[in-house]
Amino acid sequence: MAEIINLRQVRKAQKRKQADATASANRAKFGQTKAERNAQTAETQRAARLLDGAKREHD
């Protein structure tokens, strides 16, 4: 006799598996966490301020 399965649970499991695959692909594609992006932006702004502070002014 065949094993009885709940189709709703199987569909939900398939949907979760697909969502996990999509999330994994997005993590690989976009790569950085929000904290890493913020740190990189802050470092870029700090470097720009440092460079602007070292410029000579022309009269």
PDB file of N, CA and C in Angstrom:
ATOM      1  N   MET A   1       0.838  -1.175   0.000  1.00  0.00           N
ATOM      2  CA  MET A   1       0.000   0.000   0.000  1.00  0.00           C
ATOM      3  C   MET A   1       0.893   1.252   0.000  1.00  0.00           C
ATOM      4  N   ALA A   2       0.494   2.283  -0.675  1.00  0.00           N
ATOM      5  CA  ALA A   2       1.266   3.513  -0.802  1.00  0.00           C
ATOM      6  C   ALA A   2       1.201   4.324   0.488  1.00  0.00           C
ATOM      7  N   GLU A   3       2.235   5.109   0.663  1.00  0.00           N
ATOM      8  CA  GLU A   3       2.275   5.982   1.841  1.00  0.00           C
ATOM      9  C   GLU A   3       1.369   7.189   1.608  1.00  0.00           C
ATOM     10  N   ILE A   4       0.608   7.561   2.584  1.00  0.00           N
ATOM     11  CA  ILE A   4      -0.307   8.691   2.484  1.00  0.00           C
ATOM     12  C   ILE A   4       0.480   9.970   2.796  1.00  0.00           C
ATOM     13  N   ILE A   5       0.367  10.948   1.921  1.00  0.00           N
ATOM     14  CA  ILE A   5       1.059  12.218   2.128  1.00  0.00           C
ATOM     15  C   ILE A   5       0.055  13.358   2.093  1.00  0.00           C
ATOM     16  N   ASN A   6       0.404  14.414   2.762  1.00  0.00           N
ATOM     17  CA  ASN A   6      -0.427  15.608   2.772  1.00  0.00           C
ATOM     18  C   ASN A   6       0.098  16.534   1.670  1.00  0.00           C
ATOM     19  N   LEU A   7      -0.695  16.753   0.647  1.00  0.00           N
ATOM     20  CA  LEU A   7      -0.247  17.543  -0.495  1.00  0.00           C
ATOM     21  C   LEU A   7       0.048  18.994  -0.126  1.00  0.00           C
ATOM     22  N   ARG A   8      -0.693  19.527   0.800  1.00  0.00           N
ATOM     23  CA  ARG A   8      -0.460  20.906   1.244  1.00  0.00           C
ATOM     24  C   ARG A   8       0.939  21.034   1.834  1.00  0.00           C
ATOM     25  N   GLN A   9       1.323  20.070   2.660  1.00  0.00           N
ATOM     26  CA  GLN A   9       2.659  20.113   3.272  1.00  0.00           C
ATOM     27  C   GLN A   9       3.760  19.947   2.225  1.00  0.00           C
ATOM     28  N   VAL A  10       3.510  19.095   1.243  1.00  0.00           N
ATOM     29  CA  VAL A  10       4.496  18.896   0.180  1.00  0.00           C
ATOM     30  C   VAL A  10       4.664  20.175  -0.628  1.00  0.00           C
ATOM     31  N   ARG A  11       3.570  20.835  -0.944  1.00  0.00           N
ATOM     32  CA  ARG A  11       3.635  22.095  -1.701  1.00  0.00           C
ATOM     33  C   ARG A  11       4.382  23.163  -0.916  1.00  0.00           C
ATOM     34  N   LYS A  12       4.100  23.240   0.383  1.00  0.00           N
ATOM     35  CA  LYS A  12       4.786  24.228   1.215  1.00  0.00           C
ATOM     36  C   LYS A  12       6.286  23.927   1.285  1.00  0.00           C
ATOM     37  N   ALA A  13       6.645  22.665   1.384  1.00  0.00           N
ATOM     38  CA  ALA A  13       8.052  22.279   1.432  1.00  0.00           C
ATOM     39  C   ALA A  13       8.752  22.638   0.122  1.00  0.00           C
ATOM     40  N   GLN A  14       8.083  22.413  -1.013  1.00  0.00           N
ATOM     41  CA  GLN A  14       8.652  22.770  -2.301  1.00  0.00           C
ATOM     42  C   GLN A  14       8.827  24.280  -2.427  1.00  0.00           C
ATOM     43  N   LYS A  15       7.835  25.022  -1.934  1.00  0.00           N
ATOM     44  CA  LYS A  15       7.914  26.484  -1.995  1.00  0.00           C
ATOM     45  C   LYS A  15       9.070  26.999  -1.128  1.00  0.00           C
ATOM     46  N   ARG A  16       9.248  26.418   0.079  1.00  0.00           N
ATOM     47  CA  ARG A  16      10.370  26.799   0.942  1.00  0.00           C
ATOM     48  C   ARG A  16      11.710  26.502   0.283  1.00  0.00           C
ATOM     49  N   LYS A  17      11.800  25.339  -0.348  1.00  0.00           N
ATOM     50  CA  LYS A  17      13.041  24.960  -1.019  1.00  0.00           C
ATOM     51  C   LYS A  17      13.368  25.932  -2.143  1.00  0.00           C
ATOM     52  N   GLN A  18      12.364  26.321  -2.909  1.00  0.00           N
ATOM     53  CA  GLN A  18      12.554  27.290  -3.992  1.00  0.00           C
ATOM     54  C   GLN A  18      12.967  28.655  -3.436  1.00  0.00           C
ATOM     55  N   ALA A  19      12.342  29.079  -2.352  1.00  0.00           N
ATOM     56  CA  ALA A  19      12.686  30.364  -1.735  1.00  0.00           C
ATOM     57  C   ALA A  19      14.123  30.344  -1.217  1.00  0.00           C
ATOM     58  N   ASP A  20      14.546  29.235  -0.629  1.00  0.00           N
ATOM     59  CA  ASP A  20      15.920  29.117  -0.150  1.00  0.00           C
ATOM     60  C   ASP A  20      16.907  29.195  -1.309  1.00  0.00           C
ATOM     61  N   ALA A  21      16.583  28.569  -2.422  1.00  0.00           N
ATOM     62  CA  ALA A  21      17.461  28.608  -3.590  1.00  0.00           C
ATOM     63  C   ALA A  21      17.565  30.031  -4.137  1.00  0.00           C
ATOM     64  N   THR A  22      16.434  30.728  -4.197  1.00  0.00           N
ATOM     65  CA  THR A  22      16.429  32.108  -4.678  1.00  0.00           C
ATOM     66  C   THR A  22      17.232  33.013  -3.742  1.00  0.00           C
ATOM     67  N   ALA A  23      17.055  32.822  -2.450  1.00  0.00           N
ATOM     68  CA  ALA A  23      17.790  33.631  -1.475  1.00  0.00           C
ATOM     69  C   ALA A  23      19.288  33.376  -1.576  1.00  0.00           C
ATOM     70  N   SER A  24      19.668  32.140  -1.761  1.00  0.00           N
ATOM     71  CA  SER A  24      21.083  31.806  -1.895  1.00  0.00           C
ATOM     72  C   SER A  24      21.680  32.466  -3.139  1.00  0.00           C
ATOM     73  N   ALA A  25      20.936  32.443  -4.231  1.00  0.00           N
ATOM     74  CA  ALA A  25      21.407  33.086  -5.458  1.00  0.00           C
ATOM     75  C   ALA A  25      21.544  34.589  -5.267  1.00  0.00           C
ATOM     76  N   ASN A  26      20.598  35.201  -4.565  1.00  0.00           N
ATOM     77  CA  ASN A  26      20.666  36.648  -4.315  1.00  0.00           C
ATOM     78  C   ASN A  26      21.830  37.001  -3.410  1.00  0.00           C
ATOM     79  N   ARG A  27      22.103  36.156  -2.405  1.00  0.00           N
ATOM     80  CA  ARG A  27      23.256  36.418  -1.534  1.00  0.00           C
ATOM     81  C   ARG A  27      24.550  36.390  -2.334  1.00  0.00           C
ATOM     82  N   ALA A  28      24.655  35.444  -3.234  1.00  0.00           N
ATOM     83  CA  ALA A  28      25.857  35.350  -4.060  1.00  0.00           C
ATOM     84  C   ALA A  28      25.940  36.519  -5.050  1.00  0.00           C
ATOM     85  N   LYS A  29      24.794  36.954  -5.545  1.00  0.00           N
ATOM     86  CA  LYS A  29      24.764  38.007  -6.549  1.00  0.00           C
ATOM     87  C   LYS A  29      25.076  39.376  -5.953  1.00  0.00           C
ATOM     88  N   PHE A  30      24.457  39.704  -4.819  1.00  0.00           N
ATOM     89  CA  PHE A  30      24.595  41.039  -4.261  1.00  0.00           C
ATOM     90  C   PHE A  30      25.664  41.125  -3.188  1.00  0.00           C
ATOM     91  N   GLY A  31      25.921  40.080  -2.473  1.00  0.00           N
ATOM     92  CA  GLY A  31      27.115  39.879  -1.683  1.00  0.00           C
ATOM     93  C   GLY A  31      27.347  40.631  -0.390  1.00  0.00           C
ATOM     94  N   GLN A  32      26.988  41.858  -0.256  1.00  0.00           N
ATOM     95  CA  GLN A  32      27.346  42.608   0.942  1.00  0.00           C
ATOM     96  C   GLN A  32      26.168  42.757   1.885  1.00  0.00           C
ATOM     97  N   THR A  33      26.491  42.751   3.176  1.00  0.00           N
ATOM     98  CA  THR A  33      25.464  43.019   4.167  1.00  0.00           C
ATOM     99  C   THR A  33      25.278  44.526   4.269  1.00  0.00           C
ATOM    100  N   LYS A  34      24.223  44.931   4.919  1.00  0.00           N
ATOM    101  CA  LYS A  34      23.952  46.357   5.083  1.00  0.00           C
ATOM    102  C   LYS A  34      25.065  47.016   5.888  1.00  0.00           C
ATOM    103  N   ALA A  35      25.569  46.340   6.909  1.00  0.00           N
ATOM    104  CA  ALA A  35      26.649  46.878   7.728  1.00  0.00           C
ATOM    105  C   ALA A  35      27.920  47.078   6.902  1.00  0.00           C
ATOM    106  N   GLU A  36      28.223  46.132   6.027  1.00  0.00           N
ATOM    107  CA  GLU A  36      29.400  46.276   5.172  1.00  0.00           C
ATOM    108  C   GLU A  36      29.256  47.448   4.214  1.00  0.00           C
ATOM    109  N   ARG A  37      28.050  47.612   3.641  1.00  0.00           N
ATOM    110  CA  ARG A  37      27.813  48.752   2.741  1.00  0.00           C
ATOM    111  C   ARG A  37      27.965  50.066   3.495  1.00  0.00           C
ATOM    112  N   ASN A  38      27.412  50.147   4.707  1.00  0.00           N
ATOM    113  CA  ASN A  38      27.512  51.372   5.502  1.00  0.00           C
ATOM    114  C   ASN A  38      28.957  51.671   5.862  1.00  0.00           C
ATOM    115  N   ALA A  39      29.723  50.648   6.223  1.00  0.00           N
ATOM    116  CA  ALA A  39      31.134  50.843   6.572  1.00  0.00           C
ATOM    117  C   ALA A  39      31.921  51.324   5.362  1.00  0.00           C
ATOM    118  N   GLN A  40      31.647  50.759   4.210  1.00  0.00           N
ATOM    119  CA  GLN A  40      32.341  51.172   3.000  1.00  0.00           C
ATOM    120  C   GLN A  40      31.994  52.621   2.634  1.00  0.00           C
ATOM    121  N   THR A  41      30.741  52.988   2.769  1.00  0.00           N
ATOM    122  CA  THR A  41      30.321  54.365   2.487  1.00  0.00           C
ATOM    123  C   THR A  41      30.984  55.342   3.450  1.00  0.00           C
ATOM    124  N   ALA A  42      31.018  54.987   4.722  1.00  0.00           N
ATOM    125  CA  ALA A  42      31.653  55.851   5.721  1.00  0.00           C
ATOM    126  C   ALA A  42      33.144  56.018   5.431  1.00  0.00           C
ATOM    127  N   GLU A  43      33.808  54.951   5.038  1.00  0.00           N
ATOM    128  CA  GLU A  43      35.239  55.029   4.717  1.00  0.00           C
ATOM    129  C   GLU A  43      35.481  55.902   3.493  1.00  0.00           C
ATOM    130  N   THR A  44      34.633  55.800   2.491  1.00  0.00           N
ATOM    131  CA  THR A  44      34.757  56.624   1.290  1.00  0.00           C
ATOM    132  C   THR A  44      34.555  58.101   1.621  1.00  0.00           C
ATOM    133  N   GLN A  45      33.559  58.395   2.448  1.00  0.00           N
ATOM    134  CA  GLN A  45      33.316  59.780   2.851  1.00  0.00           C
ATOM    135  C   GLN A  45      34.467  60.330   3.683  1.00  0.00           C
ATOM    136  N   ARG A  46      35.025  59.496   4.567  1.00  0.00           N
ATOM    137  CA  ARG A  46      36.158  59.931   5.390  1.00  0.00           C
ATOM    138  C   ARG A  46      37.362  60.246   4.507  1.00  0.00           C
ATOM    139  N   ALA A  47      37.622  59.407   3.513  1.00  0.00           N
ATOM    140  CA  ALA A  47      38.749  59.633   2.608  1.00  0.00           C
ATOM    141  C   ALA A  47      38.545  60.911   1.797  1.00  0.00           C
ATOM    142  N   ALA A  48      37.325  61.172   1.372  1.00  0.00           N
ATOM    143  CA  ALA A  48      37.035  62.392   0.610  1.00  0.00           C
ATOM    144  C   ALA A  48      37.249  63.632   1.476  1.00  0.00           C
ATOM    145  N   ARG A  49      36.803  63.580   2.731  1.00  0.00           N
ATOM    146  CA  ARG A  49      37.020  64.718   3.635  1.00  0.00           C
ATOM    147  C   ARG A  49      38.509  64.950   3.882  1.00  0.00           C
ATOM    148  N   LEU A  50      39.261  63.884   4.046  1.00  0.00           N
ATOM    149  CA  LEU A  50      40.707  63.986   4.270  1.00  0.00           C
ATOM    150  C   LEU A  50      41.383  64.603   3.065  1.00  0.00           C
ATOM    151  N   LEU A  51      40.989  64.193   1.868  1.00  0.00           N
ATOM    152  CA  LEU A  51      41.567  64.723   0.641  1.00  0.00           C
ATOM    153  C   LEU A  51      41.200  66.195   0.470  1.00  0.00           C
ATOM    154  N   ASP A  52      39.937  66.553   0.727  1.00  0.00           N
ATOM    155  CA  ASP A  52      39.515  67.945   0.599  1.00  0.00           C
ATOM    156  C   ASP A  52      40.245  68.838   1.605  1.00  0.00           C
ATOM    157  N   GLY A  53      40.528  68.314   2.771  1.00  0.00           N
ATOM    158  CA  GLY A  53      41.232  69.088   3.794  1.00  0.00           C
ATOM    159  C   GLY A  53      42.686  69.333   3.429  1.00  0.00           C
ATOM    160  N   ALA A  54      43.267  68.532   2.573  1.00  0.00           N
ATOM    161  CA  ALA A  54      44.674  68.679   2.202  1.00  0.00           C
ATOM    162  C   ALA A  54      44.868  69.517   0.950  1.00  0.00           C
ATOM    163  N   LYS A  55      43.796  69.946   0.317  1.00  0.00           N
ATOM    164  CA  LYS A  55      43.913  70.741  -0.922  1.00  0.00           C
ATOM    165  C   LYS A  55      44.387  72.151  -0.610  1.00  0.00           C
ATOM    166  N   ARG A  56      45.153  72.682  -1.558  1.00  0.00           N
ATOM    167  CA  ARG A  56      45.592  74.069  -1.438  1.00  0.00           C
ATOM    168  C   ARG A  56      44.550  74.938  -2.121  1.00  0.00           C
ATOM    169  N   GLU A  57      44.303  76.110  -1.568  1.00  0.00           N
ATOM    170  CA  GLU A  57      43.357  77.015  -2.170  1.00  0.00           C
ATOM    171  C   GLU A  57      44.089  77.983  -3.089  1.00  0.00           C
ATOM    172  N   HIS A  58      43.503  78.206  -4.260  1.00  0.00           N
ATOM    173  CA  HIS A  58      44.076  79.138  -5.219  1.00  0.00           C
ATOM    174  C   HIS A  58      43.323  80.457  -5.164  1.00  0.00           C
ATOM    175  N   ASP A  59      44.075  81.556  -5.118  1.00  0.00           N
ATOM    176  CA  ASP A  59      43.447  82.883  -5.068  1.00  0.00           C
ATOM    177  C   ASP A  59      43.287  83.473  -6.439  1.00  0.00           C
TER     178      ASP A  59
END
